[in-house]
Structure formats: structure tokens, C-alpha cells
Amino acid sequence: MLVLAFDTATPAVTVAVGDEGRVLAQRTTVDARRQGELLAVSIREVLAEAGVAGGDLDAIASGAGPGPYTGLRVGLVTARVLGSTLGVAAYGFCTLDIIAADAAAAGREFLVATDARRRELYWARYSAAGARLSGPGVAAPAALPAGLPVAGEGAHAYPEVLGEAIAPRYPSAATAARWCAARLAAGQPLAPPDPLYLRRPDAREPGAPKSVLASSDRPGGGSRGSPPWASGAKAPATESQGPLAGGGSRGSPPWASRVTS
């Protein structure tokens, strides 16, 4: 199973192509500000170095996080678009699982923790063999299980709170390519390329606008936020009801010509 794998859920933009037994080519660059640009260039370079055409691929797999919205969107949208264009199945994998697969835990249970911003971490707990025991979740560093070695960027961001830092710091697409190829070859299912956000986005739908006038300032007995003529009084004749510079009709509010459906 020839797999193109990449991950943009952390500051490391990592890309590789390979099967369950070997990696043909790989690239990793740590730069969270150029994920979109770096991913496209790295994919082209990796496929060219490996001598692999898009039609040769059996699967495309992208890190599904957990991770920040922007980074995840870059990788997962790329996986979906490439898969649709090439007629190749697209999958997602847990970024923390790939870090765990490379973790040097020396026969102990361990944590994987990556930066979730807002002074929080994405984390999961793993057995000594790298099997996930709990998570993924998001929490403040002090809320993570204590006394365990920690792989991932979180151990470096909060060394005074978390336990011993162990390798690796970032996921490897080479490991992801082998990991995904082995499971697909064995007939084990992989997840769809859907993001693991774990918390609500920062953006919120705006509410209704509020009036800036106090009730005593509104003539005509109109309710708060309503025009004074809403109760039956005629609109005052002012110069603003003349021809409008914005192209609105006489008597229409100045924003009427700018409303779109």
C-alpha cells in the first residue's frame, strides 16, 4: 500500500510517501506561519524525489489533530482535494498517535501533549507499547496526569509543570506513512479526514445590533432600538430624506441600496 502522508496539526509541516516497509522520500519543516505554502511545495518535492505519480498512490492520509483550526484545515482540505482529484481514498489519523509511535518511553506509560494555545495542551495517555489508554483531550498543563514522561511540544512549553520530556517533539510523516500503510494492508479501517478540534472555535455568530440611544432620547414613544415613527408618527422631514448619494430612493434609509440577499 503506497501512502502519501502529511501532518499540519503542529508547527511541523511534515510530508512523506512510502509503504508499510519503507519510506521513499520525506520532508519536515517547522514553521507554523507558512503551512499552506510549505505543504504544497513539500508534496511536490517528495513525490518527485520518490519518482511517484499521483496515480500510483493507494491512499492519502492527513493528520486530523487535535490541533488549531487553521493548521488542521490546511492538511485535511489538501487531503480531500487530492483524493478527489486523483480518485484515491483519503483518510485521517490522530496526530498524537503518530508521536506516540515514535516515543522513547523506556517501558513506561507516558503522555503525548501538544500546544493547544490559551495556556492549554492537547493530550492523551499511552501504554508502554504505544497503545492509547485515554484521550485525546484538552486541558491546562497542571490538570494532566502527574509523574509520567511526556512526548510532544507540551513538555518543552511547560517544563516546570509536566514531567520528563522524551522524544519526539513533533509528529513524523514517515512514521505516519508506515503506520497507515500497515493498517490498510491488514484490512484495518482508518478514520475519515475529519478534524479533531476538541473545543469550540473562537469565532461567534454576531447578535442583533443594539441601539446607542437611551429610552429618554427617543421621541415619539418608540421602543428601544425602533425608529420614532414606528408607533405611528410620521418620519421627520430632514435633508437626509432627499436624494441619496448612495443611490437609494427618496425616503429610504441610506443603507438600503447596499443590502444584498
C-alpha atoms as a PDB file:
ATOM      1  CA  MET A   1       0.000   0.000   0.000  1.00  0.00           C
ATOM      2  CA  LEU A   2       1.676   3.182  -1.191  1.00  0.00           C
ATOM      3  CA  VAL A   3       0.598   6.083   1.055  1.00  0.00           C
ATOM      4  CA  LEU A   4       1.210   9.816   0.848  1.00  0.00           C
ATOM      5  CA  ALA A   5       1.035  11.064   4.445  1.00  0.00           C
ATOM      6  CA  PHE A   6       1.334  14.563   5.867  1.00  0.00           C
ATOM      7  CA  ASP A   7       0.549  16.453   9.059  1.00  0.00           C
ATOM      8  CA  THR A   8      -0.009  20.160   9.770  1.00  0.00           C
ATOM      9  CA  ALA A   9      -1.571  19.921  13.243  1.00  0.00           C
ATOM     10  CA  THR A  10       1.614  21.222  14.927  1.00  0.00           C
ATOM     11  CA  PRO A  11       4.222  23.797  13.846  1.00  0.00           C
ATOM     12  CA  ALA A  12       5.975  20.974  11.950  1.00  0.00           C
ATOM     13  CA  VAL A  13       4.856  20.614   8.328  1.00  0.00           C
ATOM     14  CA  THR A  14       5.837  17.024   7.600  1.00  0.00           C
ATOM     15  CA  VAL A  15       5.301  15.028   4.385  1.00  0.00           C
ATOM     16  CA  ALA A  16       6.351  11.518   3.339  1.00  0.00           C
ATOM     17  CA  VAL A  17       5.493   8.807   0.854  1.00  0.00           C
ATOM     18  CA  GLY A  18       6.031   5.115   1.484  1.00  0.00           C
ATOM     19  CA  ASP A  19       4.504   1.765   2.318  1.00  0.00           C
ATOM     20  CA  GLU A  20       4.449  -0.422   5.423  1.00  0.00           C
ATOM     21  CA  GLY A  21       8.084  -1.421   4.989  1.00  0.00           C
ATOM     22  CA  ARG A  22       9.925   1.608   3.654  1.00  0.00           C
ATOM     23  CA  VAL A  23       9.820   5.367   3.198  1.00  0.00           C
ATOM     24  CA  LEU A  24      10.701   6.589  -0.284  1.00  0.00           C
ATOM     25  CA  ALA A  25      11.042  10.309   0.497  1.00  0.00           C
ATOM     26  CA  GLN A  26      10.206  12.740   3.288  1.00  0.00           C
ATOM     27  CA  ARG A  27      10.346  16.441   4.226  1.00  0.00           C
ATOM     28  CA  THR A  28       9.813  18.206   7.562  1.00  0.00           C
ATOM     29  CA  THR A  29       9.919  21.958   8.159  1.00  0.00           C
ATOM     30  CA  VAL A  30       8.994  23.672  11.419  1.00  0.00           C
ATOM     31  CA  ASP A  31       7.188  26.906  10.518  1.00  0.00           C
ATOM     32  CA  ALA A  32       3.602  27.398  11.691  1.00  0.00           C
ATOM     33  CA  ARG A  33       3.185  30.621   9.689  1.00  0.00           C
ATOM     34  CA  ARG A  34       3.622  29.083   6.215  1.00  0.00           C
ATOM     35  CA  GLN A  35       1.808  25.769   6.489  1.00  0.00           C
ATOM     36  CA  GLY A  36      -0.207  26.149   3.292  1.00  0.00           C
ATOM     37  CA  GLU A  37       2.766  27.192   1.201  1.00  0.00           C
ATOM     38  CA  LEU A  38       5.120  24.611   2.691  1.00  0.00           C
ATOM     39  CA  LEU A  39       2.696  21.713   2.382  1.00  0.00           C
ATOM     40  CA  ALA A  40       2.082  22.159  -1.347  1.00  0.00           C
ATOM     41  CA  VAL A  41       5.801  22.547  -2.111  1.00  0.00           C
ATOM     42  CA  SER A  42       6.776  19.593   0.097  1.00  0.00           C
ATOM     43  CA  ILE A  43       4.232  17.284  -1.527  1.00  0.00           C
ATOM     44  CA  ARG A  44       5.593  18.091  -4.991  1.00  0.00           C
ATOM     45  CA  GLU A  45       9.189  17.599  -3.863  1.00  0.00           C
ATOM     46  CA  VAL A  46       8.509  14.330  -2.044  1.00  0.00           C
ATOM     47  CA  LEU A  47       6.614  12.773  -4.953  1.00  0.00           C
ATOM     48  CA  ALA A  48       9.287  13.906  -7.422  1.00  0.00           C
ATOM     49  CA  GLU A  49      12.132  12.564  -5.274  1.00  0.00           C
ATOM     50  CA  ALA A  50      10.358   9.225  -4.854  1.00  0.00           C
ATOM     51  CA  GLY A  51       9.519   9.012  -8.566  1.00  0.00           C
ATOM     52  CA  VAL A  52       5.853   8.544  -7.683  1.00  0.00           C
ATOM     53  CA  ALA A  53       2.985   9.911  -9.762  1.00  0.00           C
ATOM     54  CA  GLY A  54      -0.326  10.788  -8.169  1.00  0.00           C
ATOM     55  CA  GLY A  55      -1.996   7.853  -9.858  1.00  0.00           C
ATOM     56  CA  ASP A  56       0.460   5.442  -8.235  1.00  0.00           C
ATOM     57  CA  LEU A  57      -0.849   6.195  -4.746  1.00  0.00           C
ATOM     58  CA  ASP A  58      -3.173   3.813  -2.951  1.00  0.00           C
ATOM     59  CA  ALA A  59      -4.150   6.259  -0.211  1.00  0.00           C
ATOM     60  CA  ILE A  60      -3.648   9.779   1.101  1.00  0.00           C
ATOM     61  CA  ALA A  61      -3.609  10.363   4.857  1.00  0.00           C
ATOM     62  CA  SER A  62      -3.509  13.613   6.804  1.00  0.00           C
ATOM     63  CA  GLY A  63      -3.095  14.355  10.491  1.00  0.00           C
ATOM     64  CA  ALA A  64      -6.520  15.072  11.989  1.00  0.00           C
ATOM     65  CA  GLY A  65      -5.133  16.600  15.156  1.00  0.00           C
ATOM     66  CA  PRO A  66      -6.136  17.538  17.674  1.00  0.00           C
ATOM     67  CA  GLY A  67      -4.727  20.886  16.715  1.00  0.00           C
ATOM     68  CA  PRO A  68      -5.537  24.519  15.972  1.00  0.00           C
ATOM     69  CA  TYR A  69      -8.204  25.173  13.364  1.00  0.00           C
ATOM     70  CA  THR A  70      -6.026  26.830  10.730  1.00  0.00           C
ATOM     71  CA  GLY A  71      -3.336  24.162  10.693  1.00  0.00           C
ATOM     72  CA  LEU A  72      -5.804  21.289  10.564  1.00  0.00           C
ATOM     73  CA  ARG A  73      -7.759  22.899   7.757  1.00  0.00           C
ATOM     74  CA  VAL A  74      -4.636  23.167   5.579  1.00  0.00           C
ATOM     75  CA  GLY A  75      -3.827  19.469   5.805  1.00  0.00           C
ATOM     76  CA  LEU A  76      -7.311  17.965   5.754  1.00  0.00           C
ATOM     77  CA  VAL A  77      -8.599  20.109   2.894  1.00  0.00           C
ATOM     78  CA  THR A  78      -5.493  19.213   0.899  1.00  0.00           C
ATOM     79  CA  ALA A  79      -6.082  15.513   1.545  1.00  0.00           C
ATOM     80  CA  ARG A  80      -9.712  15.736   0.439  1.00  0.00           C
ATOM     81  CA  VAL A  81      -8.932  17.727  -2.703  1.00  0.00           C
ATOM     82  CA  LEU A  82      -6.033  15.496  -3.751  1.00  0.00           C
ATOM     83  CA  GLY A  83      -8.042  12.367  -3.066  1.00  0.00           C
ATOM     84  CA  SER A  84     -10.973  13.619  -5.126  1.00  0.00           C
ATOM     85  CA  THR A  85      -8.740  14.797  -7.972  1.00  0.00           C
ATOM     86  CA  LEU A  86      -6.690  11.589  -8.155  1.00  0.00           C
ATOM     87  CA  GLY A  87      -9.527   9.185  -7.372  1.00  0.00           C
ATOM     88  CA  VAL A  88      -7.654   7.961  -4.282  1.00  0.00           C
ATOM     89  CA  ALA A  89      -9.124   7.284  -0.846  1.00  0.00           C
ATOM     90  CA  ALA A  90      -8.357   9.974   1.761  1.00  0.00           C
ATOM     91  CA  TYR A  91      -8.035   9.253   5.488  1.00  0.00           C
ATOM     92  CA  GLY A  92      -7.220  10.984   8.742  1.00  0.00           C
ATOM     93  CA  PHE A  93      -5.079   9.834  11.650  1.00  0.00           C
ATOM     94  CA  CYS A  94      -4.657  11.098  15.204  1.00  0.00           C
ATOM     95  CA  THR A  95      -1.515  13.233  15.367  1.00  0.00           C
ATOM     96  CA  LEU A  96      -0.885  12.233  18.983  1.00  0.00           C
ATOM     97  CA  ASP A  97      -0.889   8.534  17.991  1.00  0.00           C
ATOM     98  CA  ILE A  98       1.909   9.162  15.488  1.00  0.00           C
ATOM     99  CA  ILE A  99       4.017  10.962  18.077  1.00  0.00           C
ATOM    100  CA  ALA A 100       3.363   8.058  20.467  1.00  0.00           C
ATOM    101  CA  ALA A 101       4.509   5.535  17.867  1.00  0.00           C
ATOM    102  CA  ASP A 102       7.978   7.132  17.955  1.00  0.00           C
ATOM    103  CA  ALA A 103       8.105   7.879  21.683  1.00  0.00           C
ATOM    104  CA  ALA A 104      11.073   6.537  23.620  1.00  0.00           C
ATOM    105  CA  ALA A 105       9.268   5.746  26.865  1.00  0.00           C
ATOM    106  CA  ALA A 106      11.664   3.018  28.092  1.00  0.00           C
ATOM    107  CA  GLY A 107       8.949   0.558  29.046  1.00  0.00           C
ATOM    108  CA  ARG A 108       6.741   3.042  30.920  1.00  0.00           C
ATOM    109  CA  GLU A 109       3.332   4.574  30.378  1.00  0.00           C
ATOM    110  CA  PHE A 110       3.651   8.080  29.001  1.00  0.00           C
ATOM    111  CA  LEU A 111       1.749  11.128  27.799  1.00  0.00           C
ATOM    112  CA  VAL A 112       1.765  12.932  24.486  1.00  0.00           C
ATOM    113  CA  ALA A 113       0.999  16.649  24.763  1.00  0.00           C
ATOM    114  CA  THR A 114       0.951  19.321  22.048  1.00  0.00           C
ATOM    115  CA  ASP A 115       0.329  23.054  22.237  1.00  0.00           C
ATOM    116  CA  ALA A 116      -3.375  23.996  22.197  1.00  0.00           C
ATOM    117  CA  ARG A 117      -2.723  27.707  22.858  1.00  0.00           C
ATOM    118  CA  ARG A 118      -4.740  29.604  25.507  1.00  0.00           C
ATOM    119  CA  ARG A 119      -2.309  28.088  28.040  1.00  0.00           C
ATOM    120  CA  GLU A 120      -3.746  24.620  27.382  1.00  0.00           C
ATOM    121  CA  LEU A 121      -2.497  21.355  25.891  1.00  0.00           C
ATOM    122  CA  TYR A 122      -3.948  18.630  23.693  1.00  0.00           C
ATOM    123  CA  TRP A 123      -3.012  15.356  25.329  1.00  0.00           C
ATOM    124  CA  ALA A 124      -3.523  11.595  25.514  1.00  0.00           C
ATOM    125  CA  ARG A 125      -2.159   8.794  27.689  1.00  0.00           C
ATOM    126  CA  TYR A 126      -0.402   5.740  26.230  1.00  0.00           C
ATOM    127  CA  SER A 127       0.790   2.335  27.358  1.00  0.00           C
ATOM    128  CA  ALA A 128       4.464   1.400  27.201  1.00  0.00           C
ATOM    129  CA  ALA A 129       3.719  -0.244  23.839  1.00  0.00           C
ATOM    130  CA  GLY A 130       2.204   2.957  22.440  1.00  0.00           C
ATOM    131  CA  ALA A 131      -1.484   1.970  22.668  1.00  0.00           C
ATOM    132  CA  ARG A 132      -3.744   4.869  23.571  1.00  0.00           C
ATOM    133  CA  LEU A 133      -5.277   4.418  27.022  1.00  0.00           C
ATOM    134  CA  SER A 134      -7.249   7.661  27.305  1.00  0.00           C
ATOM    135  CA  GLY A 135      -7.865  10.850  25.354  1.00  0.00           C
ATOM    136  CA  PRO A 136      -7.425  12.815  23.308  1.00  0.00           C
ATOM    137  CA  GLY A 137      -8.477  15.751  25.447  1.00  0.00           C
ATOM    138  CA  VAL A 138      -7.644  19.395  26.067  1.00  0.00           C
ATOM    139  CA  ALA A 139      -6.714  20.781  29.489  1.00  0.00           C
ATOM    140  CA  ALA A 140      -4.435  23.105  31.414  1.00  0.00           C
ATOM    141  CA  PRO A 141      -0.945  21.655  31.957  1.00  0.00           C
ATOM    142  CA  ALA A 142      -1.495  21.279  35.713  1.00  0.00           C
ATOM    143  CA  ALA A 143      -4.566  19.086  35.059  1.00  0.00           C
ATOM    144  CA  LEU A 144      -2.614  16.379  33.177  1.00  0.00           C
ATOM    145  CA  PRO A 145      -1.722  13.119  34.978  1.00  0.00           C
ATOM    146  CA  ALA A 146       1.419  13.671  37.031  1.00  0.00           C
ATOM    147  CA  GLY A 147       4.616  11.663  37.208  1.00  0.00           C
ATOM    148  CA  LEU A 148       4.690  10.405  33.612  1.00  0.00           C
ATOM    149  CA  PRO A 149       7.211  11.174  30.859  1.00  0.00           C
ATOM    150  CA  VAL A 150       5.807  13.436  28.150  1.00  0.00           C
ATOM    151  CA  ALA A 151       6.438  13.414  24.398  1.00  0.00           C
ATOM    152  CA  GLY A 152       5.438  16.289  22.158  1.00  0.00           C
ATOM    153  CA  GLU A 153       5.841  20.044  22.235  1.00  0.00           C
ATOM    154  CA  GLY A 154       3.901  20.408  25.503  1.00  0.00           C
ATOM    155  CA  ALA A 155       6.778  19.056  27.567  1.00  0.00           C
ATOM    156  CA  HIS A 156       9.028  21.805  26.188  1.00  0.00           C
ATOM    157  CA  ALA A 157       6.425  24.556  26.577  1.00  0.00           C
ATOM    158  CA  TYR A 158       5.712  23.768  30.254  1.00  0.00           C
ATOM    159  CA  PRO A 159       8.816  22.048  31.676  1.00  0.00           C
ATOM    160  CA  GLU A 160       8.129  23.390  35.171  1.00  0.00           C
ATOM    161  CA  VAL A 161       4.692  21.694  35.276  1.00  0.00           C
ATOM    162  CA  LEU A 162       4.988  18.497  33.270  1.00  0.00           C
ATOM    163  CA  GLY A 163       7.222  15.506  33.802  1.00  0.00           C
ATOM    164  CA  GLU A 164      10.318  14.343  31.990  1.00  0.00           C
ATOM    165  CA  ALA A 165      10.434  15.353  28.319  1.00  0.00           C
ATOM    166  CA  ILE A 166      11.025  12.493  25.888  1.00  0.00           C
ATOM    167  CA  ALA A 167      11.371  12.358  22.097  1.00  0.00           C
ATOM    168  CA  PRO A 168       9.863  13.155  19.694  1.00  0.00           C
ATOM    169  CA  ARG A 169       8.747  16.771  19.870  1.00  0.00           C
ATOM    170  CA  TYR A 170       6.747  16.702  16.603  1.00  0.00           C
ATOM    171  CA  PRO A 171       4.991  14.034  14.504  1.00  0.00           C
ATOM    172  CA  SER A 172       6.817  12.351  11.632  1.00  0.00           C
ATOM    173  CA  ALA A 173       5.055  11.830   8.305  1.00  0.00           C
ATOM    174  CA  ALA A 174       7.441   8.944   7.637  1.00  0.00           C
ATOM    175  CA  THR A 175       6.048   7.161  10.685  1.00  0.00           C
ATOM    176  CA  ALA A 176       2.511   8.113   9.621  1.00  0.00           C
ATOM    177  CA  ALA A 177       3.001   6.659   6.134  1.00  0.00           C
ATOM    178  CA  ARG A 178       4.224   3.317   7.511  1.00  0.00           C
ATOM    179  CA  TRP A 179       1.583   3.316  10.266  1.00  0.00           C
ATOM    180  CA  CYS A 180      -1.311   3.944   7.854  1.00  0.00           C
ATOM    181  CA  ALA A 181       0.013   1.593   5.158  1.00  0.00           C
ATOM    182  CA  ALA A 182       0.375  -1.282   7.633  1.00  0.00           C
ATOM    183  CA  ARG A 183      -3.200  -0.885   8.837  1.00  0.00           C
ATOM    184  CA  LEU A 184      -4.645  -0.623   5.371  1.00  0.00           C
ATOM    185  CA  ALA A 185      -2.673  -3.681   4.210  1.00  0.00           C
ATOM    186  CA  ALA A 186      -4.033  -5.613   7.202  1.00  0.00           C
ATOM    187  CA  GLY A 187      -7.600  -4.593   6.378  1.00  0.00           C
ATOM    188  CA  GLN A 188      -7.923  -2.364   9.441  1.00  0.00           C
ATOM    189  CA  PRO A 189     -10.098   0.722   8.972  1.00  0.00           C
ATOM    190  CA  LEU A 190      -8.734   4.246   9.136  1.00  0.00           C
ATOM    191  CA  ALA A 191     -10.747   7.287  10.143  1.00  0.00           C
ATOM    192  CA  PRO A 192     -12.116   9.746   7.564  1.00  0.00           C
ATOM    193  CA  PRO A 193     -10.239  13.044   7.113  1.00  0.00           C
ATOM    194  CA  ASP A 194     -12.286  14.892   9.728  1.00  0.00           C
ATOM    195  CA  PRO A 195     -10.719  17.279  12.250  1.00  0.00           C
ATOM    196  CA  LEU A 196     -10.369  16.680  15.986  1.00  0.00           C
ATOM    197  CA  TYR A 197     -10.912  20.205  17.276  1.00  0.00           C
ATOM    198  CA  LEU A 198     -11.967  19.222  20.854  1.00  0.00           C
ATOM    199  CA  ARG A 199     -13.281  22.704  21.618  1.00  0.00           C
ATOM    200  CA  ARG A 200     -15.454  25.401  20.094  1.00  0.00           C
ATOM    201  CA  PRO A 201     -13.855  27.866  17.656  1.00  0.00           C
ATOM    202  CA  ASP A 202     -13.107  31.428  18.744  1.00  0.00           C
ATOM    203  CA  ALA A 203     -15.487  32.901  16.162  1.00  0.00           C
ATOM    204  CA  ARG A 204     -19.072  33.535  17.233  1.00  0.00           C
ATOM    205  CA  GLU A 205     -22.170  34.464  15.233  1.00  0.00           C
ATOM    206  CA  PRO A 206     -22.889  38.158  15.914  1.00  0.00           C
ATOM    207  CA  GLY A 207     -26.073  39.043  17.782  1.00  0.00           C
ATOM    208  CA  ALA A 208     -28.656  41.689  16.871  1.00  0.00           C
ATOM    209  CA  PRO A 209     -27.345  45.269  16.897  1.00  0.00           C
ATOM    210  CA  LYS A 210     -28.204  47.354  19.950  1.00  0.00           C
ATOM    211  CA  SER A 211     -29.393  50.950  19.989  1.00  0.00           C
ATOM    212  CA  VAL A 212     -26.927  53.509  21.304  1.00  0.00           C
ATOM    213  CA  LEU A 213     -29.770  55.845  22.409  1.00  0.00           C
ATOM    214  CA  ALA A 214     -31.264  55.846  25.888  1.00  0.00           C
ATOM    215  CA  SER A 215     -35.056  55.451  26.034  1.00  0.00           C
ATOM    216  CA  SER A 216     -35.463  59.091  27.124  1.00  0.00           C
ATOM    217  CA  ASP A 217     -33.651  60.227  23.970  1.00  0.00           C
ATOM    218  CA  ARG A 218     -36.119  58.542  21.602  1.00  0.00           C
ATOM    219  CA  PRO A 219     -39.014  60.879  20.664  1.00  0.00           C
ATOM    220  CA  GLY A 220     -42.386  59.516  19.674  1.00  0.00           C
ATOM    221  CA  GLY A 221     -42.539  56.753  22.278  1.00  0.00           C
ATOM    222  CA  GLY A 222     -40.713  54.201  20.135  1.00  0.00           C
ATOM    223  CA  SER A 223     -39.335  51.143  21.878  1.00  0.00           C
ATOM    224  CA  ARG A 224     -35.603  50.743  22.355  1.00  0.00           C
ATOM    225  CA  GLY A 225     -33.899  50.203  19.018  1.00  0.00           C
ATOM    226  CA  SER A 226     -37.005  51.148  16.912  1.00  0.00           C
ATOM    227  CA  PRO A 227     -37.351  54.393  14.877  1.00  0.00           C
ATOM    228  CA  PRO A 228     -39.546  57.085  16.445  1.00  0.00           C
ATOM    229  CA  TRP A 229     -42.157  56.846  13.679  1.00  0.00           C
ATOM    230  CA  ALA A 230     -42.735  53.124  14.312  1.00  0.00           C
ATOM    231  CA  SER A 231     -45.594  53.979  16.723  1.00  0.00           C
ATOM    232  CA  GLY A 232     -47.497  55.879  14.029  1.00  0.00           C
ATOM    233  CA  ALA A 233     -45.795  59.259  13.948  1.00  0.00           C
ATOM    234  CA  LYS A 234     -44.570  60.492  10.605  1.00  0.00           C
ATOM    235  CA  ALA A 235     -40.906  60.377   9.893  1.00  0.00           C
ATOM    236  CA  PRO A 236     -39.316  63.793  10.349  1.00  0.00           C
ATOM    237  CA  ALA A 237     -38.687  65.702   7.152  1.00  0.00           C
ATOM    238  CA  THR A 238     -34.985  66.330   7.045  1.00  0.00           C
ATOM    239  CA  GLU A 239     -32.394  66.852   4.372  1.00  0.00           C
ATOM    240  CA  SER A 240     -31.398  63.229   4.718  1.00  0.00           C
ATOM    241  CA  GLN A 241     -34.691  62.262   3.043  1.00  0.00           C
ATOM    242  CA  GLY A 242     -33.679  63.976  -0.128  1.00  0.00           C
ATOM    243  CA  PRO A 243     -31.810  62.281  -2.972  1.00  0.00           C
ATOM    244  CA  LEU A 244     -29.204  59.885  -1.526  1.00  0.00           C
ATOM    245  CA  ALA A 245     -25.574  59.893  -2.556  1.00  0.00           C
ATOM    246  CA  GLY A 246     -25.528  56.126  -2.217  1.00  0.00           C
ATOM    247  CA  GLY A 247     -28.205  55.636  -4.867  1.00  0.00           C
ATOM    248  CA  GLY A 248     -31.138  54.878  -2.524  1.00  0.00           C
ATOM    249  CA  SER A 249     -34.658  56.093  -3.330  1.00  0.00           C
ATOM    250  CA  ARG A 250     -36.159  59.168  -1.653  1.00  0.00           C
ATOM    251  CA  GLY A 251     -37.213  58.359   1.893  1.00  0.00           C
ATOM    252  CA  SER A 252     -35.316  55.067   2.103  1.00  0.00           C
ATOM    253  CA  PRO A 253     -32.608  54.593   4.727  1.00  0.00           C
ATOM    254  CA  PRO A 254     -29.091  55.254   3.402  1.00  0.00           C
ATOM    255  CA  TRP A 255     -28.046  51.621   3.745  1.00  0.00           C
ATOM    256  CA  ALA A 256     -30.967  50.231   1.687  1.00  0.00           C
ATOM    257  CA  SER A 257     -29.056  50.328  -1.585  1.00  0.00           C
ATOM    258  CA  ARG A 258     -26.260  48.305  -0.074  1.00  0.00           C
ATOM    259  CA  VAL A 259     -28.226  45.324   1.238  1.00  0.00           C
ATOM    260  CA  THR A 260     -27.593  42.095  -0.601  1.00  0.00           C
ATOM    261  CA  SER A 261     -29.568  38.906  -0.472  1.00  0.00           C
END
